[in-house]
Amino acid sequence: MCAAAIRWAGFKEYVYGTSMETLIRMGWPQIRISSRGVFEHSTGLPSSSNIIGGILMNETDTYFCMAV
């Protein structure tokens, strides 16, 4: 949902840390539609968005580990 909202809002860039695959491995339930998939299938929108993943994941992953 966040990726779709980002595309509709026309954000220039979307940056995230922890990947969906990592969250699944940790036991966090997910709807298995990746942000990249949402970006690839969004058409006809007036702007484009860059997606950058894995930023500071060594730090963000830790927070998800602590919450499980």
PDB file of N, CA and C in Angstrom:
ATOM      1  N   MET A   1       0.818  -1.191   0.000  1.00  0.00           N
ATOM      2  CA  MET A   1       0.000   0.000   0.000  1.00  0.00           C
ATOM      3  C   MET A   1       0.861   1.254   0.000  1.00  0.00           C
ATOM      4  N   CYS A   2       1.944   1.229   0.730  1.00  0.00           N
ATOM      5  CA  CYS A   2       2.812   2.408   0.762  1.00  0.00           C
ATOM      6  C   CYS A   2       3.387   2.703  -0.614  1.00  0.00           C
ATOM      7  N   ALA A   3       3.831   1.663  -1.311  1.00  0.00           N
ATOM      8  CA  ALA A   3       4.422   1.864  -2.637  1.00  0.00           C
ATOM      9  C   ALA A   3       3.391   2.449  -3.598  1.00  0.00           C
ATOM     10  N   ALA A   4       2.165   1.970  -3.536  1.00  0.00           N
ATOM     11  CA  ALA A   4       1.118   2.504  -4.409  1.00  0.00           C
ATOM     12  C   ALA A   4       0.840   3.970  -4.078  1.00  0.00           C
ATOM     13  N   ALA A   5       0.770   4.296  -2.800  1.00  0.00           N
ATOM     14  CA  ALA A   5       0.534   5.686  -2.396  1.00  0.00           C
ATOM     15  C   ALA A   5       1.678   6.585  -2.852  1.00  0.00           C
ATOM     16  N   ILE A   6       2.901   6.084  -2.756  1.00  0.00           N
ATOM     17  CA  ILE A   6       4.067   6.854  -3.191  1.00  0.00           C
ATOM     18  C   ILE A   6       3.995   7.128  -4.683  1.00  0.00           C
ATOM     19  N   ARG A   7       3.612   6.124  -5.459  1.00  0.00           N
ATOM     20  CA  ARG A   7       3.494   6.310  -6.913  1.00  0.00           C
ATOM     21  C   ARG A   7       2.381   7.305  -7.237  1.00  0.00           C
ATOM     22  N   TRP A   8       1.212   7.143  -6.625  1.00  0.00           N
ATOM     23  CA  TRP A   8       0.094   8.044  -6.904  1.00  0.00           C
ATOM     24  C   TRP A   8       0.421   9.479  -6.504  1.00  0.00           C
ATOM     25  N   ALA A   9       1.161   9.649  -5.419  1.00  0.00           N
ATOM     26  CA  ALA A   9       1.504  10.990  -4.936  1.00  0.00           C
ATOM     27  C   ALA A   9       2.596  11.651  -5.768  1.00  0.00           C
ATOM     28  N   GLY A  10       3.279  10.872  -6.609  1.00  0.00           N
ATOM     29  CA  GLY A  10       4.300  11.446  -7.478  1.00  0.00           C
ATOM     30  C   GLY A  10       5.646  11.664  -6.814  1.00  0.00           C
ATOM     31  N   PHE A  11       5.919  10.913  -5.747  1.00  0.00           N
ATOM     32  CA  PHE A  11       7.231  11.032  -5.108  1.00  0.00           C
ATOM     33  C   PHE A  11       8.320  10.723  -6.125  1.00  0.00           C
ATOM     34  N   LYS A  12       9.405  11.441  -6.057  1.00  0.00           N
ATOM     35  CA  LYS A  12      10.531  11.219  -6.977  1.00  0.00           C
ATOM     36  C   LYS A  12      11.343   9.989  -6.583  1.00  0.00           C
ATOM     37  N   GLU A  13      11.398   9.690  -5.271  1.00  0.00           N
ATOM     38  CA  GLU A  13      12.243   8.599  -4.810  1.00  0.00           C
ATOM     39  C   GLU A  13      11.609   7.905  -3.611  1.00  0.00           C
ATOM     40  N   TYR A  14      11.786   6.596  -3.557  1.00  0.00           N
ATOM     41  CA  TYR A  14      11.279   5.758  -2.473  1.00  0.00           C
ATOM     42  C   TYR A  14      12.467   4.970  -1.934  1.00  0.00           C
ATOM     43  N   VAL A  15      12.807   5.183  -0.672  1.00  0.00           N
ATOM     44  CA  VAL A  15      13.976   4.560  -0.057  1.00  0.00           C
ATOM     45  C   VAL A  15      13.492   3.724   1.127  1.00  0.00           C
ATOM     46  N   TYR A  16      13.969   2.473   1.200  1.00  0.00           N
ATOM     47  CA  TYR A  16      13.604   1.627   2.330  1.00  0.00           C
ATOM     48  C   TYR A  16      14.812   0.836   2.804  1.00  0.00           C
ATOM     49  N   GLY A  17      14.723   0.291   4.002  1.00  0.00           N
ATOM     50  CA  GLY A  17      15.820  -0.482   4.579  1.00  0.00           C
ATOM     51  C   GLY A  17      15.555  -1.974   4.521  1.00  0.00           C
ATOM     52  N   THR A  18      14.691  -2.461   5.391  1.00  0.00           N
ATOM     53  CA  THR A  18      14.430  -3.892   5.513  1.00  0.00           C
ATOM     54  C   THR A  18      13.561  -4.380   4.363  1.00  0.00           C
ATOM     55  N   SER A  19      13.975  -5.482   3.752  1.00  0.00           N
ATOM     56  CA  SER A  19      13.233  -6.033   2.610  1.00  0.00           C
ATOM     57  C   SER A  19      12.075  -6.910   3.081  1.00  0.00           C
ATOM     58  N   MET A  20      11.112  -7.109   2.194  1.00  0.00           N
ATOM     59  CA  MET A  20       9.992  -7.987   2.488  1.00  0.00           C
ATOM     60  C   MET A  20      10.486  -9.415   2.727  1.00  0.00           C
ATOM     61  N   GLU A  21      11.466  -9.863   1.949  1.00  0.00           N
ATOM     62  CA  GLU A  21      12.003 -11.214   2.119  1.00  0.00           C
ATOM     63  C   GLU A  21      12.568 -11.401   3.532  1.00  0.00           C
ATOM     64  N   THR A  22      13.249 -10.387   4.029  1.00  0.00           N
ATOM     65  CA  THR A  22      13.796 -10.450   5.388  1.00  0.00           C
ATOM     66  C   THR A  22      12.673 -10.501   6.411  1.00  0.00           C
ATOM     67  N   LEU A  23      11.646  -9.693   6.226  1.00  0.00           N
ATOM     68  CA  LEU A  23      10.515  -9.696   7.156  1.00  0.00           C
ATOM     69  C   LEU A  23       9.839 -11.061   7.186  1.00  0.00           C
ATOM     70  N   ILE A  24       9.679 -11.692   6.034  1.00  0.00           N
ATOM     71  CA  ILE A  24       9.068 -13.024   5.966  1.00  0.00           C
ATOM     72  C   ILE A  24       9.930 -14.034   6.719  1.00  0.00           C
ATOM     73  N   ARG A  25      11.243 -13.988   6.506  1.00  0.00           N
ATOM     74  CA  ARG A  25      12.154 -14.899   7.218  1.00  0.00           C
ATOM     75  C   ARG A  25      12.065 -14.716   8.732  1.00  0.00           C
ATOM     76  N   MET A  26      11.801 -13.482   9.161  1.00  0.00           N
ATOM     77  CA  MET A  26      11.696 -13.190  10.593  1.00  0.00           C
ATOM     78  C   MET A  26      10.334 -13.574  11.169  1.00  0.00           C
ATOM     79  N   GLY A  27       9.394 -13.948  10.301  1.00  0.00           N
ATOM     80  CA  GLY A  27       8.076 -14.350  10.770  1.00  0.00           C
ATOM     81  C   GLY A  27       7.014 -13.267  10.717  1.00  0.00           C
ATOM     82  N   TRP A  28       7.325 -12.140  10.091  1.00  0.00           N
ATOM     83  CA  TRP A  28       6.339 -11.067   9.950  1.00  0.00           C
ATOM     84  C   TRP A  28       5.418 -11.391   8.771  1.00  0.00           C
ATOM     85  N   PRO A  29       4.095 -11.434   8.982  1.00  0.00           N
ATOM     86  CA  PRO A  29       3.175 -11.709   7.873  1.00  0.00           C
ATOM     87  C   PRO A  29       3.236 -10.587   6.835  1.00  0.00           C
ATOM     88  N   GLN A  30       3.134 -10.966   5.581  1.00  0.00           N
ATOM     89  CA  GLN A  30       3.221  -9.989   4.490  1.00  0.00           C
ATOM     90  C   GLN A  30       2.221 -10.323   3.394  1.00  0.00           C
ATOM     91  N   ILE A  31       1.767  -9.325   2.676  1.00  0.00           N
ATOM     92  CA  ILE A  31       1.077  -9.522   1.403  1.00  0.00           C
ATOM     93  C   ILE A  31       2.184  -9.515   0.374  1.00  0.00           C
ATOM     94  N   ARG A  32       2.374 -10.609  -0.317  1.00  0.00           N
ATOM     95  CA  ARG A  32       3.561 -10.796  -1.162  1.00  0.00           C
ATOM     96  C   ARG A  32       3.453 -10.084  -2.508  1.00  0.00           C
ATOM     97  N   ILE A  33       3.367  -8.783  -2.431  1.00  0.00           N
ATOM     98  CA  ILE A  33       3.440  -7.920  -3.612  1.00  0.00           C
ATOM     99  C   ILE A  33       4.542  -6.916  -3.305  1.00  0.00           C
ATOM    100  N   SER A  34       5.646  -7.033  -3.999  1.00  0.00           N
ATOM    101  CA  SER A  34       6.794  -6.186  -3.681  1.00  0.00           C
ATOM    102  C   SER A  34       6.581  -4.746  -4.140  1.00  0.00           C
ATOM    103  N   SER A  35       7.298  -3.851  -3.523  1.00  0.00           N
ATOM    104  CA  SER A  35       7.275  -2.446  -3.947  1.00  0.00           C
ATOM    105  C   SER A  35       7.740  -2.327  -5.389  1.00  0.00           C
ATOM    106  N   ARG A  36       8.775  -3.084  -5.731  1.00  0.00           N
ATOM    107  CA  ARG A  36       9.264  -3.061  -7.119  1.00  0.00           C
ATOM    108  C   ARG A  36       8.178  -3.520  -8.084  1.00  0.00           C
ATOM    109  N   GLY A  37       7.416  -4.533  -7.690  1.00  0.00           N
ATOM    110  CA  GLY A  37       6.315  -5.011  -8.520  1.00  0.00           C
ATOM    111  C   GLY A  37       5.256  -3.939  -8.724  1.00  0.00           C
ATOM    112  N   VAL A  38       4.927  -3.231  -7.661  1.00  0.00           N
ATOM    113  CA  VAL A  38       3.959  -2.127  -7.761  1.00  0.00           C
ATOM    114  C   VAL A  38       4.490  -1.062  -8.713  1.00  0.00           C
ATOM    115  N   PHE A  39       5.767  -0.709  -8.568  1.00  0.00           N
ATOM    116  CA  PHE A  39       6.369   0.308  -9.433  1.00  0.00           C
ATOM    117  C   PHE A  39       6.370  -0.145 -10.888  1.00  0.00           C
ATOM    118  N   GLU A  40       6.706  -1.416 -11.128  1.00  0.00           N
ATOM    119  CA  GLU A  40       6.768  -1.931 -12.496  1.00  0.00           C
ATOM    120  C   GLU A  40       5.402  -1.966 -13.164  1.00  0.00           C
ATOM    121  N   HIS A  41       4.340  -2.160 -12.376  1.00  0.00           N
ATOM    122  CA  HIS A  41       3.001  -2.273 -12.941  1.00  0.00           C
ATOM    123  C   HIS A  41       2.201  -0.977 -12.893  1.00  0.00           C
ATOM    124  N   SER A  42       2.801   0.092 -12.422  1.00  0.00           N
ATOM    125  CA  SER A  42       2.087   1.373 -12.410  1.00  0.00           C
ATOM    126  C   SER A  42       2.328   2.067 -13.747  1.00  0.00           C
ATOM    127  N   THR A  43       1.253   2.290 -14.461  1.00  0.00           N
ATOM    128  CA  THR A  43       1.350   2.902 -15.787  1.00  0.00           C
ATOM    129  C   THR A  43       0.407   4.097 -15.887  1.00  0.00           C
ATOM    130  N   GLY A  44       0.729   4.977 -16.790  1.00  0.00           N
ATOM    131  CA  GLY A  44      -0.139   6.116 -17.053  1.00  0.00           C
ATOM    132  C   GLY A  44      -0.073   7.221 -16.013  1.00  0.00           C
ATOM    133  N   LEU A  45       0.843   7.122 -15.084  1.00  0.00           N
ATOM    134  CA  LEU A  45       0.970   8.176 -14.076  1.00  0.00           C
ATOM    135  C   LEU A  45       1.858   9.288 -14.627  1.00  0.00           C
ATOM    136  N   PRO A  46       1.623  10.528 -14.197  1.00  0.00           N
ATOM    137  CA  PRO A  46       2.333  11.658 -14.801  1.00  0.00           C
ATOM    138  C   PRO A  46       3.818  11.763 -14.457  1.00  0.00           C
ATOM    139  N   SER A  47       4.291  11.007 -13.470  1.00  0.00           N
ATOM    140  CA  SER A  47       5.705  11.100 -13.100  1.00  0.00           C
ATOM    141  C   SER A  47       6.257   9.704 -12.844  1.00  0.00           C
ATOM    142  N   SER A  48       7.561   9.615 -12.714  1.00  0.00           N
ATOM    143  CA  SER A  48       8.190   8.339 -12.384  1.00  0.00           C
ATOM    144  C   SER A  48       8.850   8.449 -11.015  1.00  0.00           C
ATOM    145  N   SER A  49       9.100   7.303 -10.406  1.00  0.00           N
ATOM    146  CA  SER A  49       9.726   7.259  -9.084  1.00  0.00           C
ATOM    147  C   SER A  49      10.876   6.271  -9.110  1.00  0.00           C
ATOM    148  N   ASN A  50      11.971   6.640  -8.482  1.00  0.00           N
ATOM    149  CA  ASN A  50      13.090   5.719  -8.291  1.00  0.00           C
ATOM    150  C   ASN A  50      12.865   4.954  -7.001  1.00  0.00           C
ATOM    151  N   ILE A  51      13.289   3.700  -6.979  1.00  0.00           N
ATOM    152  CA  ILE A  51      13.188   2.897  -5.763  1.00  0.00           C
ATOM    153  C   ILE A  51      14.585   2.429  -5.379  1.00  0.00           C
ATOM    154  N   ILE A  52      14.938   2.644  -4.119  1.00  0.00           N
ATOM    155  CA  ILE A  52      16.255   2.273  -3.610  1.00  0.00           C
ATOM    156  C   ILE A  52      16.042   1.476  -2.328  1.00  0.00           C
ATOM    157  N   GLY A  53      16.469   0.228  -2.328  1.00  0.00           N
ATOM    158  CA  GLY A  53      16.271  -0.630  -1.168  1.00  0.00           C
ATOM    159  C   GLY A  53      17.566  -0.983  -0.468  1.00  0.00           C
ATOM    160  N   GLY A  54      17.416  -1.489   0.741  1.00  0.00           N
ATOM    161  CA  GLY A  54      18.562  -1.964   1.501  1.00  0.00           C
ATOM    162  C   GLY A  54      19.360  -0.883   2.206  1.00  0.00           C
ATOM    163  N   ILE A  55      18.825   0.327   2.270  1.00  0.00           N
ATOM    164  CA  ILE A  55      19.542   1.425   2.917  1.00  0.00           C
ATOM    165  C   ILE A  55      19.523   1.217   4.437  1.00  0.00           C
ATOM    166  N   LEU A  56      20.694   1.168   5.031  1.00  0.00           N
ATOM    167  CA  LEU A  56      20.856   0.984   6.483  1.00  0.00           C
ATOM    168  C   LEU A  56      20.132  -0.256   6.999  1.00  0.00           C
ATOM    169  N   MET A  57      20.019  -1.297   6.159  1.00  0.00           N
ATOM    170  CA  MET A  57      19.259  -2.477   6.569  1.00  0.00           C
ATOM    171  C   MET A  57      19.857  -3.151   7.799  1.00  0.00           C
ATOM    172  N   ASN A  58      21.155  -3.032   7.994  1.00  0.00           N
ATOM    173  CA  ASN A  58      21.750  -3.610   9.203  1.00  0.00           C
ATOM    174  C   ASN A  58      21.192  -2.939  10.458  1.00  0.00           C
ATOM    175  N   GLU A  59      20.740  -1.711  10.335  1.00  0.00           N
ATOM    176  CA  GLU A  59      20.130  -1.013  11.467  1.00  0.00           C
ATOM    177  C   GLU A  59      18.627  -1.257  11.535  1.00  0.00           C
ATOM    178  N   THR A  60      17.931  -1.190  10.404  1.00  0.00           N
ATOM    179  CA  THR A  60      16.476  -1.361  10.425  1.00  0.00           C
ATOM    180  C   THR A  60      16.085  -2.798  10.735  1.00  0.00           C
ATOM    181  N   ASP A  61      16.852  -3.778  10.236  1.00  0.00           N
ATOM    182  CA  ASP A  61      16.550  -5.187  10.520  1.00  0.00           C
ATOM    183  C   ASP A  61      16.550  -5.446  12.022  1.00  0.00           C
ATOM    184  N   THR A  62      17.450  -4.807  12.734  1.00  0.00           N
ATOM    185  CA  THR A  62      17.569  -4.992  14.183  1.00  0.00           C
ATOM    186  C   THR A  62      16.268  -4.645  14.900  1.00  0.00           C
ATOM    187  N   TYR A  63      15.607  -3.578  14.480  1.00  0.00           N
ATOM    188  CA  TYR A  63      14.351  -3.181  15.120  1.00  0.00           C
ATOM    189  C   TYR A  63      13.272  -4.236  14.924  1.00  0.00           C
ATOM    190  N   PHE A  64      13.202  -4.826  13.736  1.00  0.00           N
ATOM    191  CA  PHE A  64      12.213  -5.871  13.491  1.00  0.00           C
ATOM    192  C   PHE A  64      12.535  -7.129  14.292  1.00  0.00           C
ATOM    193  N   CYS A  65      13.819  -7.459  14.434  1.00  0.00           N
ATOM    194  CA  CYS A  65      14.231  -8.620  15.243  1.00  0.00           C
ATOM    195  C   CYS A  65      13.821  -8.439  16.697  1.00  0.00           C
ATOM    196  N   MET A  66      13.984  -7.239  17.220  1.00  0.00           N
ATOM    197  CA  MET A  66      13.666  -6.973  18.620  1.00  0.00           C
ATOM    198  C   MET A  66      12.165  -7.048  18.873  1.00  0.00           C
ATOM    199  N   ALA A  67      11.356  -6.773  17.868  1.00  0.00           N
ATOM    200  CA  ALA A  67       9.909  -6.721  18.046  1.00  0.00           C
ATOM    201  C   ALA A  67       9.240  -8.087  17.910  1.00  0.00           C
ATOM    202  N   VAL A  68       9.968  -9.081  17.406  1.00  0.00           N
ATOM    203  CA  VAL A  68       9.366 -10.412  17.197  1.00  0.00           C
ATOM    204  C   VAL A  68       9.274 -11.141  18.504  1.00  0.00           C
TER     205      VAL A  68
END
